[in-house]
Amino acid sequence: MPLVTTGELVTRAAARHSAVAAFNIITLEHVEAVVAGAESADAPVVLQVSENAVRFRHGRLLPLARAAAAAAERAAVPVALHLDHVQSDDLLRQAPGAGFSSVMYDASRLPYAENLAATRAAADWAHSRSLWIEAELGRVGGKDGQAPLDAHAPGARTDPDEARAFVTASGVDALAVAIGTSHAMTTRTATLDHALLTRLSGALDVPLVLHGSSGVPDGELAAAAAGGIAKVNVGTALNIAMTGAIREFLAAHPEAVDSRQYLDVGREAMARTVAGVLRVLEASRPSADVHT
C-alpha cells in the first residue's frame, strides 16, 4: 500500500493510548524483516534510518531509503519512513527527496540554549516542507551553560517543566524523553520511571517517544505505551536476533559459504522479534479500543 506518514501513525497510536514501533534498519534484510514481522502481527510500523546507518553506507542515504520505500509500498500494512538521530543539517535536507515523512533532529549534545536554537531552526525548515519533527531532551545543563547529560546516560531524566518550555519554544511535533532507557542495551533489564512518565504526559501536549526500547522488558514496554509513550524505537534487538541466528547457523554448518543461507535465518529471526514487539504494544491498548 502507499507510504503513510509517521505523524499519522504516532497520532493514531497516542489517541488509542498505545504506541507505534519504529525499527532501525541497516541492510535490506532489516527492511524485509521489519515488513514481514509487521505483516505477521497485522500492525503498522515505522522503518527508520539513523545517521549512523547512513555513515555505514558510505554516507549515501538514497540506496537504503529507496529499498525501504519500495518494500513499504508493497507491504500489506501501513509503513512510514523516518530519519533518525540526525545531527547533520545536510542530511536533514535530504529527507523530503528521499521519501521520509519525518525526522528526529538530535541537537541534544549541545548546551540547552544552543540545542533549542538549532532545533527551532530545524523545525521551521521541516514544517515548511511538511515534515513531522521529533527532538530529544534528557537532563539539560544548568545556567552556567554546561553541556546536558546525554538523554540515555545512567540516571538521566527529563524534567517536565524544562520539557514543556522546550517543546513550546522549539515547535517540535514529538519529544523523546529520558525515563530510564539506554541505547544499545543487550539485556532487557531497564526499569522505567513510570511516575515521571505520568508527569511528562500531563505536562506536554505532543506525543512522547521512548528511545532505547531494546532494553525494556515486555511488561515495562506495555506499561510505557499505556502510560503515554506513543512511539518506541527498537534497533539493537534486531541486531541481537540476526547475529545470534547467523552464529548458530554457521556453527551447525561450518561448510556453508552461500550468504543467502545464513542471511535468510537472520532475516527470519529479526522478523520474529519485530512481530513480538508489535504484539506487546497491541496488547497494551485498552480493551475498549481493540476493535476501533
C-alpha atoms as a PDB file:
ATOM      1  CA  MET A   1       0.000   0.000   0.000  1.00  0.00           C
ATOM      2  CA  PRO A   2       1.137   3.617  -0.356  1.00  0.00           C
ATOM      3  CA  LEU A   3       3.520   5.049   2.199  1.00  0.00           C
ATOM      4  CA  VAL A   4       1.852   6.671   5.190  1.00  0.00           C
ATOM      5  CA  THR A   5       3.311   9.372   7.398  1.00  0.00           C
ATOM      6  CA  THR A   6       4.973   8.865  10.757  1.00  0.00           C
ATOM      7  CA  GLY A   7       2.899  11.674  12.220  1.00  0.00           C
ATOM      8  CA  GLU A   8      -0.285   9.901  11.196  1.00  0.00           C
ATOM      9  CA  LEU A   9       0.779   6.621  12.832  1.00  0.00           C
ATOM     10  CA  VAL A  10       2.003   8.266  16.040  1.00  0.00           C
ATOM     11  CA  THR A  11      -1.089  10.450  16.385  1.00  0.00           C
ATOM     12  CA  ARG A  12      -3.358   7.447  15.931  1.00  0.00           C
ATOM     13  CA  ALA A  13      -1.378   5.414  18.467  1.00  0.00           C
ATOM     14  CA  ALA A  14      -1.490   8.241  21.017  1.00  0.00           C
ATOM     15  CA  ALA A  15      -5.262   8.532  20.615  1.00  0.00           C
ATOM     16  CA  ARG A  16      -5.561   4.824  21.365  1.00  0.00           C
ATOM     17  CA  HIS A  17      -3.255   5.014  24.410  1.00  0.00           C
ATOM     18  CA  SER A  18      -0.737   2.763  22.730  1.00  0.00           C
ATOM     19  CA  ALA A  19       2.465   3.155  20.729  1.00  0.00           C
ATOM     20  CA  VAL A  20       3.696   2.551  17.217  1.00  0.00           C
ATOM     21  CA  ALA A  21       7.042   0.773  16.916  1.00  0.00           C
ATOM     22  CA  ALA A  22       9.882   2.247  14.864  1.00  0.00           C
ATOM     23  CA  PHE A  23      12.668  -0.148  13.921  1.00  0.00           C
ATOM     24  CA  ASN A  24      16.155   0.917  12.856  1.00  0.00           C
ATOM     25  CA  ILE A  25      17.196  -0.605   9.547  1.00  0.00           C
ATOM     26  CA  ILE A  26      20.743  -1.083   8.280  1.00  0.00           C
ATOM     27  CA  THR A  27      20.549  -3.668   5.486  1.00  0.00           C
ATOM     28  CA  LEU A  28      17.943  -4.860   3.009  1.00  0.00           C
ATOM     29  CA  GLU A  29      17.431  -7.859   5.286  1.00  0.00           C
ATOM     30  CA  HIS A  30      16.444  -5.477   8.095  1.00  0.00           C
ATOM     31  CA  VAL A  31      13.915  -3.819   5.802  1.00  0.00           C
ATOM     32  CA  GLU A  32      12.369  -7.090   4.695  1.00  0.00           C
ATOM     33  CA  ALA A  33      12.310  -8.469   8.234  1.00  0.00           C
ATOM     34  CA  VAL A  34      10.536  -5.432   9.684  1.00  0.00           C
ATOM     35  CA  VAL A  35       7.875  -5.511   6.978  1.00  0.00           C
ATOM     36  CA  ALA A  36       7.406  -9.283   7.341  1.00  0.00           C
ATOM     37  CA  GLY A  37       7.125  -9.001  11.120  1.00  0.00           C
ATOM     38  CA  ALA A  38       4.601  -6.193  10.836  1.00  0.00           C
ATOM     39  CA  GLU A  39       2.525  -8.184   8.374  1.00  0.00           C
ATOM     40  CA  SER A  40       2.642 -11.202  10.695  1.00  0.00           C
ATOM     41  CA  ALA A  41       1.373  -9.066  13.589  1.00  0.00           C
ATOM     42  CA  ASP A  42      -1.015  -7.150  11.305  1.00  0.00           C
ATOM     43  CA  ALA A  43       0.249  -3.868  12.701  1.00  0.00           C
ATOM     44  CA  PRO A  44       1.547  -0.593  11.248  1.00  0.00           C
ATOM     45  CA  VAL A  45       5.240   0.109  11.572  1.00  0.00           C
ATOM     46  CA  VAL A  46       7.909   2.749  11.033  1.00  0.00           C
ATOM     47  CA  LEU A  47      11.139   1.993   9.173  1.00  0.00           C
ATOM     48  CA  GLN A  48      13.805   4.351  10.422  1.00  0.00           C
ATOM     49  CA  VAL A  49      17.290   5.093   9.158  1.00  0.00           C
ATOM     50  CA  SER A  50      19.778   6.665  11.543  1.00  0.00           C
ATOM     51  CA  GLU A  51      22.623   8.964  10.641  1.00  0.00           C
ATOM     52  CA  ASN A  52      24.953   6.192  11.844  1.00  0.00           C
ATOM     53  CA  ALA A  53      23.389   3.812   9.319  1.00  0.00           C
ATOM     54  CA  VAL A  54      23.891   6.369   6.562  1.00  0.00           C
ATOM     55  CA  ARG A  55      27.524   6.708   7.627  1.00  0.00           C
ATOM     56  CA  PHE A  56      27.881   2.910   7.461  1.00  0.00           C
ATOM     57  CA  ARG A  57      26.545   3.041   3.913  1.00  0.00           C
ATOM     58  CA  HIS A  58      29.400   5.361   2.914  1.00  0.00           C
ATOM     59  CA  GLY A  59      27.323   8.462   3.529  1.00  0.00           C
ATOM     60  CA  ARG A  60      24.726   7.562   0.904  1.00  0.00           C
ATOM     61  CA  LEU A  61      21.115   7.814   2.045  1.00  0.00           C
ATOM     62  CA  LEU A  62      19.249   7.007  -1.162  1.00  0.00           C
ATOM     63  CA  PRO A  63      20.106   3.309  -1.720  1.00  0.00           C
ATOM     64  CA  LEU A  64      18.675   2.198   1.629  1.00  0.00           C
ATOM     65  CA  ALA A  65      15.865   4.755   1.514  1.00  0.00           C
ATOM     66  CA  ARG A  66      14.773   3.629  -1.941  1.00  0.00           C
ATOM     67  CA  ALA A  67      14.798  -0.015  -0.857  1.00  0.00           C
ATOM     68  CA  ALA A  68      12.740   0.825   2.235  1.00  0.00           C
ATOM     69  CA  ALA A  69      10.220   2.813   0.216  1.00  0.00           C
ATOM     70  CA  ALA A  70       9.844   0.022  -2.337  1.00  0.00           C
ATOM     71  CA  ALA A  71       9.250  -2.548   0.407  1.00  0.00           C
ATOM     72  CA  ALA A  72       6.800  -0.253   2.181  1.00  0.00           C
ATOM     73  CA  GLU A  73       4.752   0.302  -0.961  1.00  0.00           C
ATOM     74  CA  ARG A  74       4.349  -3.453  -1.365  1.00  0.00           C
ATOM     75  CA  ALA A  75       3.507  -4.117   2.281  1.00  0.00           C
ATOM     76  CA  ALA A  76       0.105  -5.330   3.416  1.00  0.00           C
ATOM     77  CA  VAL A  77       0.208  -2.995   6.432  1.00  0.00           C
ATOM     78  CA  PRO A  78       0.787   0.776   6.755  1.00  0.00           C
ATOM     79  CA  VAL A  79       4.503   1.672   6.745  1.00  0.00           C
ATOM     80  CA  ALA A  80       6.185   5.044   7.238  1.00  0.00           C
ATOM     81  CA  LEU A  81       9.797   6.174   6.761  1.00  0.00           C
ATOM     82  CA  HIS A  82      11.620   8.145   9.461  1.00  0.00           C
ATOM     83  CA  LEU A  83      15.136   9.621   9.502  1.00  0.00           C
ATOM     84  CA  ASP A  84      16.587   9.075  12.976  1.00  0.00           C
ATOM     85  CA  HIS A  85      19.137  10.914  15.165  1.00  0.00           C
ATOM     86  CA  VAL A  86      20.077  13.450  12.529  1.00  0.00           C
ATOM     87  CA  GLN A  87      22.842  15.826  13.580  1.00  0.00           C
ATOM     88  CA  SER A  88      23.898  16.921  10.110  1.00  0.00           C
ATOM     89  CA  ASP A  89      21.882  19.715   8.531  1.00  0.00           C
ATOM     90  CA  ASP A  90      22.945  18.390   5.137  1.00  0.00           C
ATOM     91  CA  LEU A  91      21.355  15.027   5.904  1.00  0.00           C
ATOM     92  CA  LEU A  92      18.243  16.730   7.266  1.00  0.00           C
ATOM     93  CA  ARG A  93      17.789  18.486   3.935  1.00  0.00           C
ATOM     94  CA  GLN A  94      17.909  15.188   2.050  1.00  0.00           C
ATOM     95  CA  ALA A  95      14.881  13.799   3.902  1.00  0.00           C
ATOM     96  CA  PRO A  96      11.991  15.082   1.740  1.00  0.00           C
ATOM     97  CA  GLY A  97      13.535  13.971  -1.544  1.00  0.00           C
ATOM     98  CA  ALA A  98      14.320  10.510  -0.171  1.00  0.00           C
ATOM     99  CA  GLY A  99      10.740   9.675   0.812  1.00  0.00           C
ATOM    100  CA  PHE A 100      10.866  10.412   4.524  1.00  0.00           C
ATOM    101  CA  SER A 101       7.820  11.970   6.165  1.00  0.00           C
ATOM    102  CA  SER A 102       9.576  12.654   9.452  1.00  0.00           C
ATOM    103  CA  VAL A 103      12.930  13.259  11.063  1.00  0.00           C
ATOM    104  CA  MET A 104      14.361  13.118  14.559  1.00  0.00           C
ATOM    105  CA  TYR A 105      16.687  16.102  14.839  1.00  0.00           C
ATOM    106  CA  ASP A 106      19.269  15.486  17.545  1.00  0.00           C
ATOM    107  CA  ALA A 107      20.960  18.579  18.959  1.00  0.00           C
ATOM    108  CA  SER A 108      20.871  17.143  22.485  1.00  0.00           C
ATOM    109  CA  ARG A 109      24.685  17.145  22.642  1.00  0.00           C
ATOM    110  CA  LEU A 110      24.614  20.940  22.786  1.00  0.00           C
ATOM    111  CA  PRO A 111      24.023  23.158  25.812  1.00  0.00           C
ATOM    112  CA  TYR A 112      20.321  23.881  26.298  1.00  0.00           C
ATOM    113  CA  ALA A 113      20.190  27.297  24.601  1.00  0.00           C
ATOM    114  CA  GLU A 114      22.106  26.032  21.559  1.00  0.00           C
ATOM    115  CA  ASN A 115      20.009  22.856  21.417  1.00  0.00           C
ATOM    116  CA  LEU A 116      16.857  24.959  21.443  1.00  0.00           C
ATOM    117  CA  ALA A 117      18.083  27.356  18.746  1.00  0.00           C
ATOM    118  CA  ALA A 118      19.249  24.561  16.441  1.00  0.00           C
ATOM    119  CA  THR A 119      16.063  22.548  16.963  1.00  0.00           C
ATOM    120  CA  ARG A 120      13.859  25.599  16.363  1.00  0.00           C
ATOM    121  CA  ALA A 121      15.627  26.251  13.066  1.00  0.00           C
ATOM    122  CA  ALA A 122      15.311  22.591  12.072  1.00  0.00           C
ATOM    123  CA  ALA A 123      11.617  22.538  12.994  1.00  0.00           C
ATOM    124  CA  ASP A 124      10.897  25.671  10.962  1.00  0.00           C
ATOM    125  CA  TRP A 125      12.675  24.184   7.957  1.00  0.00           C
ATOM    126  CA  ALA A 126      10.971  20.804   8.363  1.00  0.00           C
ATOM    127  CA  HIS A 127       7.487  22.251   8.750  1.00  0.00           C
ATOM    128  CA  SER A 128       7.929  24.381   5.644  1.00  0.00           C
ATOM    129  CA  ARG A 129       8.347  21.084   3.780  1.00  0.00           C
ATOM    130  CA  SER A 130       5.548  19.178   5.571  1.00  0.00           C
ATOM    131  CA  LEU A 131       7.968  17.081   7.630  1.00  0.00           C
ATOM    132  CA  TRP A 132       6.960  15.904  11.110  1.00  0.00           C
ATOM    133  CA  ILE A 133       9.838  16.507  13.512  1.00  0.00           C
ATOM    134  CA  GLU A 134      10.933  14.846  16.742  1.00  0.00           C
ATOM    135  CA  ALA A 135      13.591  16.093  19.169  1.00  0.00           C
ATOM    136  CA  GLU A 136      15.244  14.799  22.318  1.00  0.00           C
ATOM    137  CA  LEU A 137      15.709  16.196  25.784  1.00  0.00           C
ATOM    138  CA  GLY A 138      17.437  14.485  28.675  1.00  0.00           C
ATOM    139  CA  ARG A 139      18.585  16.311  31.783  1.00  0.00           C
ATOM    140  CA  VAL A 140      19.695  19.667  30.496  1.00  0.00           C
ATOM    141  CA  GLY A 141      22.702  21.616  31.693  1.00  0.00           C
ATOM    142  CA  GLY A 142      22.412  24.399  34.234  1.00  0.00           C
ATOM    143  CA  LYS A 143      22.510  28.139  33.756  1.00  0.00           C
ATOM    144  CA  ASP A 144      26.297  28.042  33.558  1.00  0.00           C
ATOM    145  CA  GLY A 145      25.927  26.742  30.030  1.00  0.00           C
ATOM    146  CA  GLN A 146      27.393  23.294  30.631  1.00  0.00           C
ATOM    147  CA  ALA A 147      26.509  20.548  28.183  1.00  0.00           C
ATOM    148  CA  PRO A 148      23.476  18.399  29.001  1.00  0.00           C
ATOM    149  CA  LEU A 149      23.698  14.901  30.376  1.00  0.00           C
ATOM    150  CA  ASP A 150      23.046  12.530  27.490  1.00  0.00           C
ATOM    151  CA  ALA A 151      19.397  11.515  27.492  1.00  0.00           C
ATOM    152  CA  HIS A 152      20.377   7.863  27.720  1.00  0.00           C
ATOM    153  CA  ALA A 153      23.180   8.088  30.261  1.00  0.00           C
ATOM    154  CA  PRO A 154      22.540   6.239  33.527  1.00  0.00           C
ATOM    155  CA  GLY A 155      20.412   8.386  35.770  1.00  0.00           C
ATOM    156  CA  ALA A 156      19.364  10.852  33.053  1.00  0.00           C
ATOM    157  CA  ARG A 157      15.795  12.055  33.454  1.00  0.00           C
ATOM    158  CA  THR A 158      13.780  14.637  31.547  1.00  0.00           C
ATOM    159  CA  ASP A 159      12.373  17.410  33.709  1.00  0.00           C
ATOM    160  CA  PRO A 160       8.676  18.063  32.875  1.00  0.00           C
ATOM    161  CA  ASP A 161       8.921  21.837  33.246  1.00  0.00           C
ATOM    162  CA  GLU A 162      12.007  22.055  31.048  1.00  0.00           C
ATOM    163  CA  ALA A 163      10.394  19.717  28.536  1.00  0.00           C
ATOM    164  CA  ARG A 164       7.255  21.846  28.333  1.00  0.00           C
ATOM    165  CA  ALA A 165       9.317  25.001  27.804  1.00  0.00           C
ATOM    166  CA  PHE A 166      11.483  23.282  25.185  1.00  0.00           C
ATOM    167  CA  VAL A 167       8.524  21.967  23.187  1.00  0.00           C
ATOM    168  CA  THR A 168       6.762  25.326  23.269  1.00  0.00           C
ATOM    169  CA  ALA A 169       9.838  27.260  22.180  1.00  0.00           C
ATOM    170  CA  SER A 170      11.102  24.774  19.580  1.00  0.00           C
ATOM    171  CA  GLY A 171       7.808  23.923  17.918  1.00  0.00           C
ATOM    172  CA  VAL A 172       8.607  20.211  17.574  1.00  0.00           C
ATOM    173  CA  ASP A 173       5.876  17.644  16.963  1.00  0.00           C
ATOM    174  CA  ALA A 174       7.143  14.976  19.383  1.00  0.00           C
ATOM    175  CA  LEU A 175       9.708  14.662  22.148  1.00  0.00           C
ATOM    176  CA  ALA A 176      11.959  11.744  23.053  1.00  0.00           C
ATOM    177  CA  VAL A 177      12.257  11.682  26.832  1.00  0.00           C
ATOM    178  CA  ALA A 178      14.690  10.124  29.299  1.00  0.00           C
ATOM    179  CA  ILE A 179      12.842   7.864  31.743  1.00  0.00           C
ATOM    180  CA  GLY A 180      15.375   5.088  32.296  1.00  0.00           C
ATOM    181  CA  THR A 181      16.450   3.525  28.998  1.00  0.00           C
ATOM    182  CA  SER A 182      19.873   3.444  27.348  1.00  0.00           C
ATOM    183  CA  HIS A 183      20.901   2.965  23.749  1.00  0.00           C
ATOM    184  CA  ALA A 184      22.470  -0.331  22.635  1.00  0.00           C
ATOM    185  CA  MET A 185      21.329  -2.370  25.637  1.00  0.00           C
ATOM    186  CA  THR A 186      21.931  -6.083  25.034  1.00  0.00           C
ATOM    187  CA  THR A 187      19.887  -7.228  28.048  1.00  0.00           C
ATOM    188  CA  ARG A 188      16.239  -6.422  28.702  1.00  0.00           C
ATOM    189  CA  THR A 189      16.743  -5.129  32.211  1.00  0.00           C
ATOM    190  CA  ALA A 190      15.724  -1.457  32.014  1.00  0.00           C
ATOM    191  CA  THR A 191      13.368  -0.235  34.728  1.00  0.00           C
ATOM    192  CA  LEU A 192      11.330   2.751  33.644  1.00  0.00           C
ATOM    193  CA  ASP A 193      10.334   5.699  35.792  1.00  0.00           C
ATOM    194  CA  HIS A 194       6.573   5.462  35.299  1.00  0.00           C
ATOM    195  CA  ALA A 195       5.823   8.202  37.812  1.00  0.00           C
ATOM    196  CA  LEU A 196       7.956  10.587  35.778  1.00  0.00           C
ATOM    197  CA  LEU A 197       6.260   9.404  32.581  1.00  0.00           C
ATOM    198  CA  THR A 198       2.896  10.294  34.103  1.00  0.00           C
ATOM    199  CA  ARG A 199       4.163  13.789  34.912  1.00  0.00           C
ATOM    200  CA  LEU A 200       5.631  14.238  31.431  1.00  0.00           C
ATOM    201  CA  SER A 201       2.462  13.028  29.771  1.00  0.00           C
ATOM    202  CA  GLY A 202       0.445  15.506  31.797  1.00  0.00           C
ATOM    203  CA  ALA A 203       2.826  18.389  31.126  1.00  0.00           C
ATOM    204  CA  LEU A 204       3.174  18.018  27.363  1.00  0.00           C
ATOM    205  CA  ASP A 205       0.653  18.182  24.552  1.00  0.00           C
ATOM    206  CA  VAL A 206       2.863  16.412  21.987  1.00  0.00           C
ATOM    207  CA  PRO A 207       3.435  12.645  21.652  1.00  0.00           C
ATOM    208  CA  LEU A 208       6.267  11.179  23.723  1.00  0.00           C
ATOM    209  CA  VAL A 209       8.922   8.873  22.288  1.00  0.00           C
ATOM    210  CA  LEU A 210      10.966   6.173  24.028  1.00  0.00           C
ATOM    211  CA  HIS A 211      14.430   5.536  22.606  1.00  0.00           C
ATOM    212  CA  GLY A 212      16.490   2.514  23.631  1.00  0.00           C
ATOM    213  CA  SER A 213      13.460   0.230  23.817  1.00  0.00           C
ATOM    214  CA  SER A 214      15.509  -2.886  23.042  1.00  0.00           C
ATOM    215  CA  GLY A 215      16.475  -2.999  26.725  1.00  0.00           C
ATOM    216  CA  VAL A 216      12.907  -2.767  28.034  1.00  0.00           C
ATOM    217  CA  PRO A 217      11.087  -5.946  29.190  1.00  0.00           C
ATOM    218  CA  ASP A 218       7.646  -6.651  27.715  1.00  0.00           C
ATOM    219  CA  GLY A 219       5.724  -5.631  30.823  1.00  0.00           C
ATOM    220  CA  GLU A 220       7.586  -2.352  31.157  1.00  0.00           C
ATOM    221  CA  LEU A 221       7.137  -1.619  27.457  1.00  0.00           C
ATOM    222  CA  ALA A 222       3.391  -2.262  27.619  1.00  0.00           C
ATOM    223  CA  ALA A 223       3.085  -0.047  30.692  1.00  0.00           C
ATOM    224  CA  ALA A 224       5.012   2.734  28.966  1.00  0.00           C
ATOM    225  CA  ALA A 225       2.712   2.602  25.956  1.00  0.00           C
ATOM    226  CA  ALA A 226      -0.357   2.670  28.172  1.00  0.00           C
ATOM    227  CA  GLY A 227       1.167   5.491  30.225  1.00  0.00           C
ATOM    228  CA  GLY A 228       1.828   7.992  27.458  1.00  0.00           C
ATOM    229  CA  ILE A 229       4.616   6.794  25.153  1.00  0.00           C
ATOM    230  CA  ALA A 230       3.316   6.920  21.576  1.00  0.00           C
ATOM    231  CA  LYS A 231       6.433   5.784  19.658  1.00  0.00           C
ATOM    232  CA  VAL A 232       9.044   3.251  20.712  1.00  0.00           C
ATOM    233  CA  ASN A 233      12.394   2.923  18.967  1.00  0.00           C
ATOM    234  CA  VAL A 234      13.970  -0.511  18.591  1.00  0.00           C
ATOM    235  CA  GLY A 235      17.312  -1.239  16.958  1.00  0.00           C
ATOM    236  CA  THR A 236      19.733  -3.352  18.959  1.00  0.00           C
ATOM    237  CA  ALA A 237      17.170  -6.128  19.475  1.00  0.00           C
ATOM    238  CA  LEU A 238      17.125  -6.741  15.727  1.00  0.00           C
ATOM    239  CA  ASN A 239      20.900  -6.969  15.556  1.00  0.00           C
ATOM    240  CA  ILE A 240      20.974  -9.360  18.511  1.00  0.00           C
ATOM    241  CA  ALA A 241      18.408 -11.597  16.800  1.00  0.00           C
ATOM    242  CA  MET A 242      20.175 -11.525  13.451  1.00  0.00           C
ATOM    243  CA  THR A 243      23.674 -12.080  14.798  1.00  0.00           C
ATOM    244  CA  GLY A 244      22.585 -14.860  17.142  1.00  0.00           C
ATOM    245  CA  ALA A 245      20.749 -16.740  14.400  1.00  0.00           C
ATOM    246  CA  ILE A 246      23.672 -16.430  11.989  1.00  0.00           C
ATOM    247  CA  ARG A 247      26.180 -17.591  14.615  1.00  0.00           C
ATOM    248  CA  GLU A 248      24.027 -20.624  15.393  1.00  0.00           C
ATOM    249  CA  PHE A 249      23.618 -21.470  11.711  1.00  0.00           C
ATOM    250  CA  LEU A 250      27.326 -21.196  10.933  1.00  0.00           C
ATOM    251  CA  ALA A 251      28.253 -23.249  13.995  1.00  0.00           C
ATOM    252  CA  ALA A 252      25.945 -26.016  12.767  1.00  0.00           C
ATOM    253  CA  HIS A 253      27.024 -25.628   9.125  1.00  0.00           C
ATOM    254  CA  PRO A 254      30.751 -24.771   9.078  1.00  0.00           C
ATOM    255  CA  GLU A 255      30.905 -25.719   5.394  1.00  0.00           C
ATOM    256  CA  ALA A 256      28.373 -23.025   4.390  1.00  0.00           C
ATOM    257  CA  VAL A 257      29.600 -20.353   2.004  1.00  0.00           C
ATOM    258  CA  ASP A 258      26.379 -19.155   0.391  1.00  0.00           C
ATOM    259  CA  SER A 259      25.485 -15.956   2.226  1.00  0.00           C
ATOM    260  CA  ARG A 260      21.830 -16.365   1.306  1.00  0.00           C
ATOM    261  CA  GLN A 261      21.582 -19.319   3.666  1.00  0.00           C
ATOM    262  CA  TYR A 262      22.651 -17.519   6.812  1.00  0.00           C
ATOM    263  CA  LEU A 263      21.121 -14.166   5.863  1.00  0.00           C
ATOM    264  CA  ASP A 264      17.809 -15.969   5.481  1.00  0.00           C
ATOM    265  CA  VAL A 265      17.851 -17.299   9.044  1.00  0.00           C
ATOM    266  CA  GLY A 266      18.999 -13.912  10.297  1.00  0.00           C
ATOM    267  CA  ARG A 267      16.132 -12.207   8.498  1.00  0.00           C
ATOM    268  CA  GLU A 268      13.614 -14.676   9.902  1.00  0.00           C
ATOM    269  CA  ALA A 269      14.913 -14.140  13.434  1.00  0.00           C
ATOM    270  CA  MET A 270      14.548 -10.370  13.080  1.00  0.00           C
ATOM    271  CA  ALA A 271      11.012 -10.765  11.730  1.00  0.00           C
ATOM    272  CA  ARG A 272      10.039 -12.799  14.804  1.00  0.00           C
ATOM    273  CA  THR A 273      11.497 -10.098  17.053  1.00  0.00           C
ATOM    274  CA  VAL A 274       9.538  -7.398  15.230  1.00  0.00           C
ATOM    275  CA  ALA A 275       6.289  -9.341  15.489  1.00  0.00           C
ATOM    276  CA  GLY A 276       6.887  -9.922  19.198  1.00  0.00           C
ATOM    277  CA  VAL A 277       7.360  -6.217  19.946  1.00  0.00           C
ATOM    278  CA  LEU A 278       4.296  -5.263  17.918  1.00  0.00           C
ATOM    279  CA  ARG A 279       2.122  -7.812  19.713  1.00  0.00           C
ATOM    280  CA  VAL A 280       3.243  -6.472  23.087  1.00  0.00           C
ATOM    281  CA  LEU A 281       2.226  -2.968  22.034  1.00  0.00           C
ATOM    282  CA  GLU A 282      -1.090  -4.140  20.600  1.00  0.00           C
ATOM    283  CA  ALA A 283      -1.861  -5.945  23.856  1.00  0.00           C
ATOM    284  CA  SER A 284      -1.169  -2.750  25.787  1.00  0.00           C
ATOM    285  CA  ARG A 285      -4.174  -0.997  24.259  1.00  0.00           C
ATOM    286  CA  PRO A 286      -7.262  -0.688  26.478  1.00  0.00           C
ATOM    287  CA  SER A 287      -9.770  -3.404  25.613  1.00  0.00           C
ATOM    288  CA  ALA A 288     -12.338  -0.830  24.548  1.00  0.00           C
ATOM    289  CA  ASP A 289     -10.008   0.306  21.753  1.00  0.00           C
ATOM    290  CA  VAL A 290      -9.082  -3.091  20.361  1.00  0.00           C
ATOM    291  CA  HIS A 291     -11.620  -3.026  17.522  1.00  0.00           C
ATOM    292  CA  THR A 292     -11.685   0.723  16.857  1.00  0.00           C
END
